[in-house]
């Protein structure tokens, strides 16, 4: 069901899907790793991406990071993104490679991860009376 939602989310964002051909561009998420547990009480997530061939070649291409199917940061040529305010729980992230007209060239695999945040209700944090 989640994989269906990923494809639906891409279509809903206007990213469209591209069918890769031989020698086509590829995009891969290097971090977070699949099933990672990210420990960050602020909800900050660093997403690192690799693109082949590299982005420096013309025509201009951009990356879009999707968190739970929604754009999570401005499109950029950077290979590292910081997504802020991710709530605790299970999420998924994808990277979308876009051409200079905003059309999808390639989409990364879907990476599922869990954002862990300390709870103020945790027994270890309760004051002893």
N, C-alpha and C. Protein backbone atom coordinates (compact mmCIF):
# COMPACT_ATOMS: atom_id res chain seq x y z
N UNK A 1 0.82 -1.19 0.00
CA UNK A 1 0.00 0.00 0.00
C UNK A 1 0.86 1.25 0.00
N UNK A 2 1.95 1.26 0.79
CA UNK A 2 2.80 2.43 0.87
C UNK A 2 3.47 2.72 -0.47
N UNK A 3 3.89 1.67 -1.18
CA UNK A 3 4.53 1.90 -2.48
C UNK A 3 3.55 2.52 -3.46
N UNK A 4 2.30 2.11 -3.43
CA UNK A 4 1.28 2.73 -4.27
C UNK A 4 1.14 4.20 -3.92
N UNK A 5 1.14 4.51 -2.64
CA UNK A 5 1.03 5.90 -2.20
C UNK A 5 2.20 6.73 -2.69
N UNK A 6 3.40 6.14 -2.75
CA UNK A 6 4.57 6.87 -3.23
C UNK A 6 4.38 7.30 -4.68
N UNK A 7 3.94 6.39 -5.52
CA UNK A 7 3.71 6.69 -6.93
C UNK A 7 2.59 7.71 -7.06
N UNK A 8 1.52 7.53 -6.31
CA UNK A 8 0.41 8.47 -6.35
C UNK A 8 0.88 9.86 -5.92
N UNK A 9 1.72 9.92 -4.88
CA UNK A 9 2.21 11.21 -4.40
C UNK A 9 3.05 11.90 -5.47
N UNK A 10 3.87 11.15 -6.20
CA UNK A 10 4.67 11.74 -7.26
C UNK A 10 3.78 12.33 -8.34
N UNK A 11 2.74 11.62 -8.70
CA UNK A 11 1.83 12.12 -9.73
C UNK A 11 1.09 13.35 -9.23
N UNK A 12 0.73 13.36 -7.95
CA UNK A 12 -0.01 14.48 -7.39
C UNK A 12 0.84 15.74 -7.31
N UNK A 13 2.18 15.60 -7.18
CA UNK A 13 3.05 16.77 -7.10
C UNK A 13 3.41 17.28 -8.48
N UNK A 14 2.94 16.62 -9.53
CA UNK A 14 3.25 17.07 -10.88
C UNK A 14 4.61 16.62 -11.34
N UNK A 15 5.26 15.76 -10.56
CA UNK A 15 6.60 15.33 -10.93
C UNK A 15 6.56 14.39 -12.13
N UNK A 16 5.49 13.62 -12.28
CA UNK A 16 5.41 12.68 -13.39
C UNK A 16 6.44 11.59 -13.22
N UNK A 17 6.31 10.54 -13.98
CA UNK A 17 7.26 9.44 -13.91
C UNK A 17 7.97 9.30 -15.24
N UNK A 18 9.26 9.08 -15.18
CA UNK A 18 10.05 8.87 -16.39
C UNK A 18 10.44 7.40 -16.45
N UNK A 19 10.49 6.86 -17.64
CA UNK A 19 10.93 5.49 -17.83
C UNK A 19 12.40 5.55 -18.20
N UNK A 20 13.29 5.01 -17.33
CA UNK A 20 14.71 5.10 -17.61
C UNK A 20 15.08 4.31 -18.85
N UNK A 21 16.01 4.84 -19.61
CA UNK A 21 16.53 4.12 -20.78
C UNK A 21 18.00 3.87 -20.56
N UNK A 22 18.60 3.11 -21.46
CA UNK A 22 20.02 2.80 -21.33
C UNK A 22 20.81 4.10 -21.30
N UNK A 23 21.73 4.25 -20.35
CA UNK A 23 22.53 5.45 -20.22
C UNK A 23 21.79 6.61 -19.59
N UNK A 24 20.60 6.38 -19.08
CA UNK A 24 19.80 7.45 -18.49
C UNK A 24 20.38 7.87 -17.15
N UNK A 25 20.00 9.05 -16.73
CA UNK A 25 20.42 9.55 -15.42
C UNK A 25 19.80 8.71 -14.33
N UNK A 26 20.51 8.62 -13.23
CA UNK A 26 20.01 7.89 -12.08
C UNK A 26 20.22 8.72 -10.83
N UNK A 27 19.33 8.57 -9.86
CA UNK A 27 19.45 9.26 -8.59
C UNK A 27 19.27 8.24 -7.47
N UNK A 28 20.11 8.37 -6.45
CA UNK A 28 20.11 7.42 -5.33
C UNK A 28 20.26 8.18 -4.02
N UNK A 29 19.51 7.77 -3.02
CA UNK A 29 19.65 8.35 -1.68
C UNK A 29 20.71 7.56 -0.93
N UNK A 30 21.75 8.27 -0.45
CA UNK A 30 22.83 7.65 0.30
C UNK A 30 22.53 7.62 1.80
N UNK A 31 21.84 8.66 2.28
CA UNK A 31 21.40 8.67 3.67
C UNK A 31 20.12 9.48 3.75
N UNK A 32 19.16 9.07 4.57
CA UNK A 32 19.26 7.96 5.52
C UNK A 32 19.25 6.61 4.79
N UNK A 33 19.72 5.60 5.50
CA UNK A 33 19.68 4.24 4.98
C UNK A 33 18.29 3.64 5.20
N UNK A 34 17.94 2.62 4.43
CA UNK A 34 16.63 1.98 4.64
C UNK A 34 16.48 1.49 6.08
N UNK A 35 15.34 1.78 6.66
CA UNK A 35 14.96 1.37 8.01
C UNK A 35 15.81 2.04 9.09
N UNK A 36 16.52 3.12 8.76
CA UNK A 36 17.28 3.87 9.77
C UNK A 36 16.35 4.41 10.85
N UNK A 37 16.88 4.55 12.05
CA UNK A 37 16.20 5.26 13.13
C UNK A 37 17.02 6.52 13.37
N UNK A 38 16.41 7.66 13.10
CA UNK A 38 17.09 8.94 13.24
C UNK A 38 16.74 9.50 14.62
N UNK A 39 17.76 9.74 15.44
CA UNK A 39 17.56 10.30 16.79
C UNK A 39 17.81 11.79 16.72
N UNK A 40 16.75 12.58 16.70
CA UNK A 40 16.89 14.03 16.67
C UNK A 40 15.64 14.66 17.27
N UNK A 41 15.78 15.24 18.45
CA UNK A 41 14.63 15.82 19.13
C UNK A 41 14.05 17.02 18.40
N UNK A 42 14.85 17.68 17.56
CA UNK A 42 14.36 18.81 16.77
C UNK A 42 13.65 18.38 15.50
N UNK A 43 13.79 17.11 15.15
CA UNK A 43 13.16 16.61 13.94
C UNK A 43 13.90 16.97 12.66
N UNK A 44 15.22 17.17 12.76
CA UNK A 44 16.02 17.48 11.59
C UNK A 44 16.51 16.20 10.92
N UNK A 45 16.36 16.15 9.62
CA UNK A 45 16.76 14.99 8.82
C UNK A 45 17.71 15.46 7.74
N UNK A 46 18.88 14.84 7.64
CA UNK A 46 19.82 15.14 6.56
C UNK A 46 19.66 14.07 5.49
N UNK A 47 19.41 14.51 4.26
CA UNK A 47 19.27 13.61 3.12
C UNK A 47 20.44 13.86 2.19
N UNK A 48 21.23 12.81 1.93
CA UNK A 48 22.35 12.90 0.99
C UNK A 48 22.01 12.09 -0.25
N UNK A 49 22.32 12.68 -1.41
CA UNK A 49 21.91 12.10 -2.69
C UNK A 49 23.12 11.97 -3.61
N UNK A 50 23.10 10.95 -4.45
CA UNK A 50 24.11 10.77 -5.49
C UNK A 50 23.40 10.76 -6.83
N UNK A 51 23.95 11.45 -7.81
CA UNK A 51 23.37 11.51 -9.14
C UNK A 51 24.41 11.03 -10.15
N UNK A 52 23.98 10.21 -11.09
CA UNK A 52 24.87 9.71 -12.13
C UNK A 52 24.19 9.91 -13.48
N UNK A 53 24.75 10.65 -14.41
CA UNK A 53 25.99 11.42 -14.31
C UNK A 53 25.82 12.61 -13.39
N UNK A 54 26.96 13.17 -12.91
CA UNK A 54 26.90 14.27 -11.94
C UNK A 54 26.09 15.47 -12.44
N UNK A 55 25.58 16.26 -11.51
CA UNK A 55 24.72 17.39 -11.84
C UNK A 55 25.42 18.52 -12.58
N UNK A 56 26.73 18.61 -12.48
CA UNK A 56 27.45 19.73 -13.07
C UNK A 56 27.35 19.82 -14.59
N UNK A 57 26.92 18.78 -15.25
CA UNK A 57 26.83 18.78 -16.70
C UNK A 57 25.55 19.46 -17.17
N UNK A 58 25.62 20.06 -18.36
CA UNK A 58 24.44 20.72 -18.92
C UNK A 58 23.58 19.68 -19.60
N UNK A 59 22.29 19.84 -19.76
CA UNK A 59 21.50 20.98 -19.31
C UNK A 59 21.32 20.97 -17.79
N UNK A 60 20.92 22.12 -17.28
CA UNK A 60 20.74 22.28 -15.83
C UNK A 60 19.70 21.29 -15.33
N UNK A 61 20.03 20.62 -14.23
CA UNK A 61 19.11 19.69 -13.60
C UNK A 61 19.04 20.02 -12.11
N UNK A 62 17.89 19.77 -11.52
CA UNK A 62 17.69 20.02 -10.09
C UNK A 62 17.21 18.77 -9.40
N UNK A 63 17.34 18.78 -8.08
CA UNK A 63 16.83 17.70 -7.24
C UNK A 63 15.67 18.22 -6.41
N UNK A 64 14.69 17.36 -6.23
CA UNK A 64 13.57 17.65 -5.33
C UNK A 64 13.51 16.51 -4.32
N UNK A 65 13.44 16.84 -3.05
CA UNK A 65 13.31 15.84 -2.00
C UNK A 65 11.85 15.77 -1.59
N UNK A 66 11.31 14.56 -1.59
CA UNK A 66 9.94 14.33 -1.16
C UNK A 66 9.96 13.61 0.18
N UNK A 67 9.22 14.14 1.14
CA UNK A 67 9.03 13.49 2.44
C UNK A 67 7.58 13.09 2.52
N UNK A 68 7.32 11.81 2.64
CA UNK A 68 5.96 11.29 2.68
C UNK A 68 5.16 11.75 1.45
N UNK A 69 5.85 11.87 0.31
CA UNK A 69 5.20 12.21 -0.94
C UNK A 69 5.04 13.69 -1.22
N UNK A 70 5.48 14.56 -0.30
CA UNK A 70 5.34 16.00 -0.47
C UNK A 70 6.72 16.66 -0.56
N UNK A 71 6.86 17.70 -1.40
CA UNK A 71 8.15 18.40 -1.46
C UNK A 71 8.55 18.88 -0.07
N UNK A 72 9.81 18.59 0.32
CA UNK A 72 10.26 18.88 1.68
C UNK A 72 11.25 20.03 1.75
N UNK A 73 11.74 20.48 0.59
CA UNK A 73 12.69 21.58 0.55
C UNK A 73 12.67 22.16 -0.86
N UNK A 74 13.21 23.36 -1.03
CA UNK A 74 13.23 23.92 -2.38
C UNK A 74 14.09 23.06 -3.33
N UNK A 75 13.72 23.02 -4.60
CA UNK A 75 14.52 22.31 -5.59
C UNK A 75 15.91 22.94 -5.63
N UNK A 76 16.93 22.11 -5.81
CA UNK A 76 18.30 22.60 -5.73
C UNK A 76 19.23 21.67 -6.49
N UNK A 77 20.43 22.16 -6.76
CA UNK A 77 21.48 21.33 -7.34
C UNK A 77 22.38 20.75 -6.26
N UNK A 78 22.11 21.09 -5.00
CA UNK A 78 22.88 20.54 -3.89
C UNK A 78 22.63 19.04 -3.79
N UNK A 79 23.60 18.33 -3.24
CA UNK A 79 23.47 16.89 -3.04
C UNK A 79 23.16 16.54 -1.60
N UNK A 80 23.11 17.54 -0.73
CA UNK A 80 22.76 17.33 0.68
C UNK A 80 21.66 18.32 1.06
N UNK A 81 20.62 17.79 1.67
CA UNK A 81 19.46 18.59 2.06
C UNK A 81 19.21 18.39 3.55
N UNK A 82 18.75 19.44 4.22
CA UNK A 82 18.30 19.32 5.60
C UNK A 82 16.80 19.58 5.61
N UNK A 83 16.06 18.58 6.05
CA UNK A 83 14.61 18.71 6.19
C UNK A 83 14.34 18.91 7.68
N UNK A 84 13.68 20.01 8.00
CA UNK A 84 13.46 20.34 9.41
C UNK A 84 12.01 20.08 9.81
N UNK A 85 11.83 19.79 11.08
CA UNK A 85 10.49 19.63 11.63
C UNK A 85 9.81 18.31 11.33
N UNK A 86 10.60 17.26 11.08
CA UNK A 86 10.01 15.94 10.83
C UNK A 86 9.49 15.40 12.16
N UNK A 87 8.22 15.05 12.19
CA UNK A 87 7.61 14.55 13.42
C UNK A 87 8.05 13.12 13.70
N UNK A 88 7.93 12.72 14.97
CA UNK A 88 8.31 11.35 15.32
C UNK A 88 7.41 10.37 14.59
N UNK A 89 7.98 9.20 14.31
CA UNK A 89 7.21 8.14 13.65
C UNK A 89 7.88 7.68 12.37
N UNK A 90 7.17 6.83 11.64
CA UNK A 90 7.69 6.26 10.40
C UNK A 90 7.39 7.18 9.22
N UNK A 91 8.38 7.35 8.36
CA UNK A 91 8.26 8.22 7.19
C UNK A 91 8.95 7.56 6.00
N UNK A 92 8.76 8.17 4.83
CA UNK A 92 9.54 7.74 3.66
C UNK A 92 10.03 8.97 2.91
N UNK A 93 11.17 8.81 2.26
CA UNK A 93 11.80 9.90 1.53
C UNK A 93 12.18 9.41 0.14
N UNK A 94 12.08 10.30 -0.84
CA UNK A 94 12.49 10.02 -2.21
C UNK A 94 13.21 11.24 -2.75
N UNK A 95 14.08 11.02 -3.73
CA UNK A 95 14.73 12.11 -4.45
C UNK A 95 14.27 12.04 -5.90
N UNK A 96 13.93 13.20 -6.45
CA UNK A 96 13.46 13.28 -7.83
C UNK A 96 14.42 14.18 -8.60
N UNK A 97 14.95 13.67 -9.70
CA UNK A 97 15.83 14.44 -10.56
C UNK A 97 14.98 15.10 -11.64
N UNK A 98 15.09 16.43 -11.75
CA UNK A 98 14.27 17.21 -12.67
C UNK A 98 15.13 17.86 -13.75
N UNK A 99 14.57 17.99 -14.96
CA UNK A 99 15.28 18.72 -16.00
C UNK A 99 15.04 20.21 -15.85
N UNK A 100 15.57 21.01 -16.78
CA UNK A 100 15.47 22.47 -16.67
C UNK A 100 14.04 22.97 -16.82
N UNK A 101 13.11 22.12 -17.28
CA UNK A 101 11.70 22.50 -17.42
C UNK A 101 10.85 21.96 -16.27
N UNK A 102 11.49 21.29 -15.31
CA UNK A 102 10.77 20.76 -14.16
C UNK A 102 10.16 19.39 -14.40
N UNK A 103 10.51 18.75 -15.52
CA UNK A 103 10.00 17.41 -15.81
C UNK A 103 10.89 16.37 -15.16
N UNK A 104 10.30 15.27 -14.73
CA UNK A 104 11.04 14.21 -14.04
C UNK A 104 11.94 13.46 -15.00
N UNK A 105 13.20 13.32 -14.60
CA UNK A 105 14.17 12.52 -15.35
C UNK A 105 14.32 11.15 -14.69
N UNK A 106 14.42 11.16 -13.35
CA UNK A 106 14.62 9.92 -12.60
C UNK A 106 14.09 10.08 -11.18
N UNK A 107 13.73 8.96 -10.57
CA UNK A 107 13.23 8.94 -9.20
C UNK A 107 14.01 7.86 -8.44
N UNK A 108 14.46 8.20 -7.24
CA UNK A 108 15.19 7.24 -6.42
C UNK A 108 14.24 6.17 -5.89
N UNK A 109 14.84 5.14 -5.31
CA UNK A 109 14.05 4.17 -4.55
C UNK A 109 13.45 4.89 -3.34
N UNK A 110 12.40 4.34 -2.81
CA UNK A 110 11.77 4.88 -1.62
C UNK A 110 12.53 4.37 -0.39
N UNK A 111 12.93 5.28 0.48
CA UNK A 111 13.66 4.92 1.69
C UNK A 111 12.73 5.17 2.88
N UNK A 112 12.46 4.11 3.63
CA UNK A 112 11.65 4.21 4.84
C UNK A 112 12.57 4.38 6.04
N UNK A 113 12.20 5.26 6.96
CA UNK A 113 12.99 5.49 8.16
C UNK A 113 12.04 5.88 9.29
N UNK A 114 12.58 5.86 10.51
CA UNK A 114 11.81 6.27 11.68
C UNK A 114 12.50 7.44 12.34
N UNK A 115 11.72 8.49 12.63
CA UNK A 115 12.25 9.63 13.38
C UNK A 115 11.94 9.37 14.85
N UNK A 116 12.99 9.28 15.65
CA UNK A 116 12.84 9.03 17.09
C UNK A 116 13.08 10.35 17.81
N UNK A 117 12.20 10.68 18.73
CA UNK A 117 12.36 11.86 19.57
C UNK A 117 12.04 11.46 21.00
N UNK A 118 12.82 11.99 21.92
CA UNK A 118 12.60 11.69 23.34
C UNK A 118 11.23 12.19 23.77
N UNK A 119 10.61 11.46 24.66
CA UNK A 119 9.30 11.83 25.16
C UNK A 119 9.43 12.48 26.53
N UNK A 120 8.69 13.54 26.75
CA UNK A 120 8.69 14.17 28.08
C UNK A 120 7.97 13.28 29.08
N UNK A 121 7.25 12.29 28.60
CA UNK A 121 6.51 11.37 29.47
C UNK A 121 7.31 10.12 29.82
N UNK A 122 8.57 10.04 29.34
CA UNK A 122 9.38 8.85 29.60
C UNK A 122 9.63 8.71 31.10
N UNK A 123 9.51 7.48 31.63
CA UNK A 123 9.70 7.29 33.07
C UNK A 123 11.05 7.78 33.58
N UNK A 124 12.09 7.69 32.80
CA UNK A 124 13.42 8.11 33.25
C UNK A 124 13.47 9.62 33.46
N UNK A 125 12.57 10.37 32.88
CA UNK A 125 12.60 11.83 32.98
C UNK A 125 11.66 12.34 34.08
N UNK A 126 10.83 11.49 34.63
CA UNK A 126 9.91 11.92 35.70
C UNK A 126 10.70 12.26 36.95
N UNK A 127 10.29 13.30 37.62
CA UNK A 127 10.96 13.68 38.88
C UNK A 127 10.53 12.72 39.97
N UNK A 128 11.49 12.33 40.75
CA UNK A 128 11.19 11.46 41.89
C UNK A 128 10.56 12.30 42.99
N UNK A 129 9.55 11.77 43.61
CA UNK A 129 8.89 12.53 44.66
C UNK A 129 9.26 12.00 46.02
